[in-house]
Amino acid sequence: VVVLTRFSYVGIALACVYGIAAAAAMPAIAAISQDVVPVAHKGLSMGLAIFAQYMLGGAWGPYIVGAVSDGLGGGAEGLSAAVMLCGGFGILAGFLFLIASRTYPEDWQKVKDEAILEE
């Protein structure tokens, strides 16, 4: 409770919004990863998507935040700054998803055309 009183209400609200937005993206990512691959590769696609989510982000996130926090002096101030700095990577990821979404219609059409040809 003492640590939370050092954080501002705006920071806590932003962290909540960021957490909800990050979690809300997961079903869309799963759906898209299945939508743009041929039927024969859907299992591989889902496996790689989940592997990438955890091995490139989820598994390393706490370690990186802790290391950055320690590098910034530790304590509540260091942790606060580390969470804000590392949150910037979430914003970067959002922009990268936005850029990648531009190719979705073409990718979906290719898979749709392949499915029609196979029938």
N, C-alpha and C. Protein backbone atom coordinates (compact mmCIF):
# COMPACT_ATOMS: atom_id res chain seq x y z
N VAL A 1 0.83 -1.19 0.00
CA VAL A 1 0.00 0.00 0.00
C VAL A 1 0.87 1.25 0.00
N VAL A 2 1.98 1.22 0.71
CA VAL A 2 2.87 2.38 0.77
C VAL A 2 3.43 2.70 -0.60
N VAL A 3 3.79 1.66 -1.36
CA VAL A 3 4.35 1.89 -2.69
C VAL A 3 3.31 2.52 -3.60
N LEU A 4 2.05 2.07 -3.52
CA LEU A 4 1.02 2.62 -4.39
C LEU A 4 0.74 4.09 -4.11
N THR A 5 0.96 4.54 -2.88
CA THR A 5 0.68 5.94 -2.58
C THR A 5 1.71 6.86 -3.22
N ARG A 6 2.85 6.33 -3.60
CA ARG A 6 3.86 7.16 -4.26
C ARG A 6 3.56 7.35 -5.74
N PHE A 7 2.77 6.47 -6.32
CA PHE A 7 2.39 6.61 -7.71
C PHE A 7 1.24 7.59 -7.83
N SER A 8 1.19 8.30 -8.92
CA SER A 8 0.09 9.23 -9.12
C SER A 8 -1.14 8.48 -9.62
N TYR A 9 -2.30 9.06 -9.41
CA TYR A 9 -3.53 8.43 -9.88
C TYR A 9 -3.56 8.37 -11.40
N VAL A 10 -2.97 9.35 -12.04
CA VAL A 10 -2.92 9.34 -13.50
C VAL A 10 -2.07 8.17 -13.98
N GLY A 11 -0.95 7.94 -13.33
CA GLY A 11 -0.09 6.82 -13.70
C GLY A 11 -0.77 5.48 -13.51
N ILE A 12 -1.48 5.34 -12.40
CA ILE A 12 -2.21 4.09 -12.15
C ILE A 12 -3.31 3.91 -13.19
N ALA A 13 -4.02 4.98 -13.53
CA ALA A 13 -5.07 4.90 -14.54
C ALA A 13 -4.49 4.54 -15.90
N LEU A 14 -3.36 5.14 -16.26
CA LEU A 14 -2.73 4.82 -17.54
C LEU A 14 -2.26 3.38 -17.58
N ALA A 15 -1.74 2.88 -16.46
CA ALA A 15 -1.31 1.48 -16.40
C ALA A 15 -2.50 0.54 -16.59
N CYS A 16 -3.63 0.89 -16.01
CA CYS A 16 -4.84 0.07 -16.17
C CYS A 16 -5.31 0.08 -17.62
N VAL A 17 -5.34 1.26 -18.23
CA VAL A 17 -5.75 1.37 -19.63
C VAL A 17 -4.80 0.58 -20.53
N TYR A 18 -3.50 0.71 -20.27
CA TYR A 18 -2.51 -0.02 -21.06
C TYR A 18 -2.70 -1.53 -20.91
N GLY A 19 -2.93 -2.00 -19.69
CA GLY A 19 -3.14 -3.42 -19.47
C GLY A 19 -4.37 -3.95 -20.17
N ILE A 20 -5.45 -3.18 -20.12
CA ILE A 20 -6.69 -3.59 -20.80
C ILE A 20 -6.48 -3.60 -22.31
N ALA A 21 -5.83 -2.58 -22.84
CA ALA A 21 -5.59 -2.51 -24.28
C ALA A 21 -4.69 -3.65 -24.75
N ALA A 22 -3.66 -3.96 -23.97
CA ALA A 22 -2.76 -5.05 -24.34
C ALA A 22 -3.48 -6.39 -24.32
N ALA A 23 -4.33 -6.60 -23.33
CA ALA A 23 -5.08 -7.86 -23.25
C ALA A 23 -6.16 -7.94 -24.31
N ALA A 24 -6.74 -6.80 -24.67
CA ALA A 24 -7.80 -6.79 -25.68
C ALA A 24 -7.26 -7.14 -27.06
N ALA A 25 -5.99 -6.93 -27.29
CA ALA A 25 -5.40 -7.23 -28.59
C ALA A 25 -5.21 -8.72 -28.82
N MET A 26 -5.11 -9.50 -27.76
CA MET A 26 -4.78 -10.92 -27.91
C MET A 26 -5.79 -11.71 -28.76
N PRO A 27 -7.11 -11.57 -28.56
CA PRO A 27 -8.03 -12.31 -29.43
C PRO A 27 -7.91 -11.90 -30.90
N ALA A 28 -7.68 -10.62 -31.15
CA ALA A 28 -7.53 -10.17 -32.53
C ALA A 28 -6.27 -10.75 -33.16
N ILE A 29 -5.19 -10.78 -32.40
CA ILE A 29 -3.95 -11.35 -32.91
C ILE A 29 -4.13 -12.83 -33.22
N ALA A 30 -4.81 -13.54 -32.33
CA ALA A 30 -5.05 -14.96 -32.56
C ALA A 30 -5.92 -15.17 -33.81
N ALA A 31 -6.95 -14.37 -33.98
CA ALA A 31 -7.83 -14.51 -35.14
C ALA A 31 -7.09 -14.20 -36.43
N ILE A 32 -6.30 -13.15 -36.42
CA ILE A 32 -5.57 -12.79 -37.63
C ILE A 32 -4.53 -13.83 -37.97
N SER A 33 -3.87 -14.39 -36.96
CA SER A 33 -2.86 -15.40 -37.25
C SER A 33 -3.49 -16.64 -37.87
N GLN A 34 -4.76 -16.88 -37.65
CA GLN A 34 -5.45 -18.02 -38.26
C GLN A 34 -6.08 -17.65 -39.59
N ASP A 35 -6.35 -16.39 -39.79
CA ASP A 35 -7.08 -15.94 -40.97
C ASP A 35 -6.21 -15.85 -42.21
N VAL A 36 -4.93 -15.64 -42.05
CA VAL A 36 -4.07 -15.36 -43.21
C VAL A 36 -3.09 -16.49 -43.51
N VAL A 37 -3.36 -17.68 -42.99
CA VAL A 37 -2.50 -18.83 -43.31
C VAL A 37 -3.35 -19.93 -43.93
N PRO A 38 -2.74 -20.74 -44.79
CA PRO A 38 -3.48 -21.87 -45.36
C PRO A 38 -3.93 -22.84 -44.26
N VAL A 39 -4.95 -23.60 -44.56
CA VAL A 39 -5.52 -24.53 -43.58
C VAL A 39 -4.46 -25.49 -43.05
N ALA A 40 -3.56 -25.93 -43.89
CA ALA A 40 -2.54 -26.91 -43.48
C ALA A 40 -1.56 -26.34 -42.46
N HIS A 41 -1.48 -25.03 -42.35
CA HIS A 41 -0.50 -24.41 -41.45
C HIS A 41 -1.12 -23.69 -40.26
N LYS A 42 -2.40 -23.87 -40.01
CA LYS A 42 -3.07 -23.14 -38.93
C LYS A 42 -2.52 -23.51 -37.55
N GLY A 43 -2.27 -24.78 -37.31
CA GLY A 43 -1.71 -25.21 -36.02
C GLY A 43 -0.33 -24.63 -35.79
N LEU A 44 0.51 -24.68 -36.82
CA LEU A 44 1.85 -24.11 -36.72
C LEU A 44 1.78 -22.61 -36.48
N SER A 45 0.86 -21.95 -37.17
CA SER A 45 0.71 -20.51 -37.01
C SER A 45 0.33 -20.14 -35.58
N MET A 46 -0.62 -20.85 -35.01
CA MET A 46 -1.05 -20.56 -33.63
C MET A 46 0.07 -20.86 -32.65
N GLY A 47 0.76 -21.96 -32.85
CA GLY A 47 1.88 -22.31 -31.97
C GLY A 47 2.98 -21.27 -32.00
N LEU A 48 3.33 -20.81 -33.19
CA LEU A 48 4.38 -19.79 -33.30
C LEU A 48 3.93 -18.45 -32.73
N ALA A 49 2.65 -18.11 -32.91
CA ALA A 49 2.15 -16.85 -32.36
C ALA A 49 2.21 -16.85 -30.84
N ILE A 50 1.79 -17.95 -30.23
CA ILE A 50 1.83 -18.03 -28.76
C ILE A 50 3.26 -18.08 -28.26
N PHE A 51 4.12 -18.83 -28.95
CA PHE A 51 5.53 -18.90 -28.58
C PHE A 51 6.16 -17.51 -28.63
N ALA A 52 5.88 -16.76 -29.70
CA ALA A 52 6.45 -15.42 -29.84
C ALA A 52 5.92 -14.48 -28.76
N GLN A 53 4.63 -14.58 -28.42
CA GLN A 53 4.06 -13.72 -27.39
C GLN A 53 4.78 -13.90 -26.06
N TYR A 54 5.04 -15.13 -25.71
CA TYR A 54 5.63 -15.38 -24.39
C TYR A 54 7.15 -15.30 -24.40
N MET A 55 7.80 -15.78 -25.44
CA MET A 55 9.27 -15.78 -25.44
C MET A 55 9.86 -14.42 -25.82
N LEU A 56 9.14 -13.65 -26.61
CA LEU A 56 9.66 -12.33 -26.99
C LEU A 56 9.14 -11.21 -26.10
N GLY A 57 8.10 -11.47 -25.34
CA GLY A 57 7.53 -10.41 -24.52
C GLY A 57 7.26 -10.83 -23.10
N GLY A 58 6.30 -11.70 -22.93
CA GLY A 58 5.83 -12.06 -21.60
C GLY A 58 6.88 -12.64 -20.67
N ALA A 59 7.74 -13.49 -21.20
CA ALA A 59 8.73 -14.14 -20.35
C ALA A 59 9.84 -13.18 -19.92
N TRP A 60 10.19 -12.25 -20.78
CA TRP A 60 11.32 -11.35 -20.49
C TRP A 60 10.89 -10.04 -19.86
N GLY A 61 9.62 -9.71 -19.94
CA GLY A 61 9.14 -8.43 -19.42
C GLY A 61 9.50 -8.16 -17.97
N PRO A 62 9.17 -9.05 -17.05
CA PRO A 62 9.51 -8.78 -15.64
C PRO A 62 11.01 -8.65 -15.40
N TYR A 63 11.80 -9.47 -16.08
CA TYR A 63 13.25 -9.39 -15.92
C TYR A 63 13.79 -8.04 -16.40
N ILE A 64 13.31 -7.61 -17.56
CA ILE A 64 13.79 -6.34 -18.13
C ILE A 64 13.35 -5.17 -17.26
N VAL A 65 12.10 -5.17 -16.82
CA VAL A 65 11.63 -4.09 -15.95
C VAL A 65 12.45 -4.05 -14.66
N GLY A 66 12.73 -5.21 -14.09
CA GLY A 66 13.54 -5.26 -12.87
C GLY A 66 14.95 -4.76 -13.10
N ALA A 67 15.57 -5.16 -14.22
CA ALA A 67 16.93 -4.72 -14.51
C ALA A 67 16.98 -3.21 -14.74
N VAL A 68 16.00 -2.69 -15.48
CA VAL A 68 15.96 -1.24 -15.71
C VAL A 68 15.71 -0.51 -14.40
N SER A 69 14.81 -1.04 -13.57
CA SER A 69 14.53 -0.43 -12.27
C SER A 69 15.79 -0.38 -11.41
N ASP A 70 16.52 -1.49 -11.35
CA ASP A 70 17.77 -1.51 -10.57
C ASP A 70 18.78 -0.53 -11.14
N GLY A 71 18.83 -0.43 -12.47
CA GLY A 71 19.76 0.51 -13.11
C GLY A 71 19.41 1.96 -12.82
N LEU A 72 18.15 2.22 -12.56
CA LEU A 72 17.70 3.59 -12.27
C LEU A 72 17.68 3.90 -10.78
N GLY A 73 18.22 2.99 -9.98
CA GLY A 73 18.32 3.26 -8.55
C GLY A 73 17.41 2.43 -7.68
N GLY A 74 16.51 1.66 -8.27
CA GLY A 74 15.64 0.79 -7.50
C GLY A 74 14.59 1.54 -6.72
N GLY A 75 13.92 0.84 -5.85
CA GLY A 75 12.86 1.45 -5.06
C GLY A 75 11.65 1.79 -5.90
N ALA A 76 10.72 2.49 -5.29
CA ALA A 76 9.48 2.84 -5.98
C ALA A 76 9.73 3.79 -7.15
N GLU A 77 10.68 4.71 -6.99
CA GLU A 77 10.96 5.66 -8.07
C GLU A 77 11.57 4.95 -9.27
N GLY A 78 12.53 4.05 -9.01
CA GLY A 78 13.15 3.30 -10.10
C GLY A 78 12.16 2.40 -10.81
N LEU A 79 11.30 1.75 -10.02
CA LEU A 79 10.30 0.87 -10.62
C LEU A 79 9.30 1.66 -11.44
N SER A 80 8.88 2.81 -10.95
CA SER A 80 7.95 3.66 -11.68
C SER A 80 8.53 4.09 -13.01
N ALA A 81 9.78 4.54 -12.99
CA ALA A 81 10.43 4.98 -14.22
C ALA A 81 10.62 3.81 -15.18
N ALA A 82 10.98 2.64 -14.65
CA ALA A 82 11.20 1.47 -15.50
C ALA A 82 9.91 1.03 -16.18
N VAL A 83 8.82 1.04 -15.45
CA VAL A 83 7.54 0.65 -16.04
C VAL A 83 7.15 1.64 -17.13
N MET A 84 7.38 2.92 -16.90
CA MET A 84 7.06 3.92 -17.92
C MET A 84 7.95 3.77 -19.15
N LEU A 85 9.24 3.54 -18.93
CA LEU A 85 10.15 3.35 -20.06
C LEU A 85 9.80 2.11 -20.87
N CYS A 86 9.57 1.02 -20.17
CA CYS A 86 9.24 -0.23 -20.87
C CYS A 86 7.86 -0.16 -21.51
N GLY A 87 6.97 0.65 -20.97
CA GLY A 87 5.67 0.84 -21.59
C GLY A 87 5.79 1.47 -22.97
N GLY A 88 6.86 2.20 -23.19
CA GLY A 88 7.12 2.76 -24.52
C GLY A 88 7.27 1.68 -25.57
N PHE A 89 7.77 0.52 -25.18
CA PHE A 89 7.89 -0.58 -26.13
C PHE A 89 6.51 -1.09 -26.53
N GLY A 90 5.55 -1.00 -25.64
CA GLY A 90 4.18 -1.37 -25.98
C GLY A 90 3.59 -0.42 -27.01
N ILE A 91 3.91 0.85 -26.87
CA ILE A 91 3.46 1.84 -27.86
C ILE A 91 4.12 1.57 -29.20
N LEU A 92 5.42 1.27 -29.18
CA LEU A 92 6.13 0.91 -30.41
C LEU A 92 5.50 -0.32 -31.06
N ALA A 93 5.18 -1.33 -30.26
CA ALA A 93 4.54 -2.53 -30.79
C ALA A 93 3.20 -2.21 -31.43
N GLY A 94 2.45 -1.30 -30.84
CA GLY A 94 1.18 -0.89 -31.42
C GLY A 94 1.35 -0.26 -32.79
N PHE A 95 2.35 0.60 -32.94
CA PHE A 95 2.63 1.20 -34.24
C PHE A 95 3.07 0.14 -35.25
N LEU A 96 3.86 -0.83 -34.82
CA LEU A 96 4.29 -1.90 -35.72
C LEU A 96 3.11 -2.76 -36.17
N PHE A 97 2.18 -3.03 -35.25
CA PHE A 97 0.96 -3.75 -35.64
C PHE A 97 0.15 -2.94 -36.63
N LEU A 98 0.09 -1.64 -36.44
CA LEU A 98 -0.64 -0.77 -37.37
C LEU A 98 -0.01 -0.83 -38.76
N ILE A 99 1.30 -0.78 -38.83
CA ILE A 99 2.00 -0.88 -40.12
C ILE A 99 1.75 -2.25 -40.75
N ALA A 100 1.84 -3.30 -39.95
CA ALA A 100 1.64 -4.66 -40.47
C ALA A 100 0.21 -4.87 -40.94
N SER A 101 -0.74 -4.16 -40.36
CA SER A 101 -2.14 -4.35 -40.74
C SER A 101 -2.42 -3.89 -42.16
N ARG A 102 -1.55 -3.09 -42.72
CA ARG A 102 -1.75 -2.63 -44.09
C ARG A 102 -1.70 -3.78 -45.09
N THR A 103 -0.96 -4.84 -44.79
CA THR A 103 -0.84 -5.96 -45.72
C THR A 103 -1.92 -7.02 -45.50
N TYR A 104 -2.75 -6.85 -44.49
CA TYR A 104 -3.75 -7.87 -44.18
C TYR A 104 -4.70 -8.17 -45.34
N PRO A 105 -5.30 -7.18 -46.01
CA PRO A 105 -6.24 -7.52 -47.09
C PRO A 105 -5.60 -8.35 -48.20
N GLU A 106 -4.36 -8.03 -48.58
CA GLU A 106 -3.69 -8.80 -49.63
C GLU A 106 -3.38 -10.22 -49.15
N ASP A 107 -2.92 -10.35 -47.92
CA ASP A 107 -2.62 -11.67 -47.38
C ASP A 107 -3.87 -12.53 -47.28
N TRP A 108 -4.96 -11.93 -46.83
CA TRP A 108 -6.21 -12.66 -46.70
C TRP A 108 -6.71 -13.11 -48.07
N GLN A 109 -6.58 -12.24 -49.07
CA GLN A 109 -7.04 -12.58 -50.42
C GLN A 109 -6.23 -13.74 -51.00
N LYS A 110 -4.92 -13.78 -50.75
CA LYS A 110 -4.08 -14.88 -51.23
C LYS A 110 -4.55 -16.21 -50.64
N VAL A 111 -4.82 -16.23 -49.35
CA VAL A 111 -5.27 -17.47 -48.70
C VAL A 111 -6.64 -17.86 -49.21
N LYS A 112 -7.51 -16.88 -49.41
CA LYS A 112 -8.85 -17.15 -49.93
C LYS A 112 -8.77 -17.74 -51.34
N ASP A 113 -7.91 -17.18 -52.18
CA ASP A 113 -7.74 -17.69 -53.54
C ASP A 113 -7.17 -19.10 -53.54
N GLU A 114 -6.22 -19.39 -52.64
CA GLU A 114 -5.66 -20.74 -52.54
C GLU A 114 -6.72 -21.74 -52.11
N ALA A 115 -7.59 -21.34 -51.20
CA ALA A 115 -8.65 -22.24 -50.73
C ALA A 115 -9.64 -22.53 -51.85
N ILE A 116 -9.94 -21.55 -52.69
CA ILE A 116 -10.85 -21.75 -53.81
C ILE A 116 -10.23 -22.68 -54.83
N LEU A 117 -8.93 -22.51 -55.11
CA LEU A 117 -8.24 -23.36 -56.08
C LEU A 117 -8.18 -24.81 -55.61
N GLU A 118 -8.04 -25.04 -54.31
CA GLU A 118 -7.96 -26.40 -53.78
C GLU A 118 -9.29 -27.13 -53.87
N GLU A 119 -10.39 -26.41 -53.86
CA GLU A 119 -11.71 -27.04 -53.93
C GLU A 119 -11.95 -27.43 -55.34
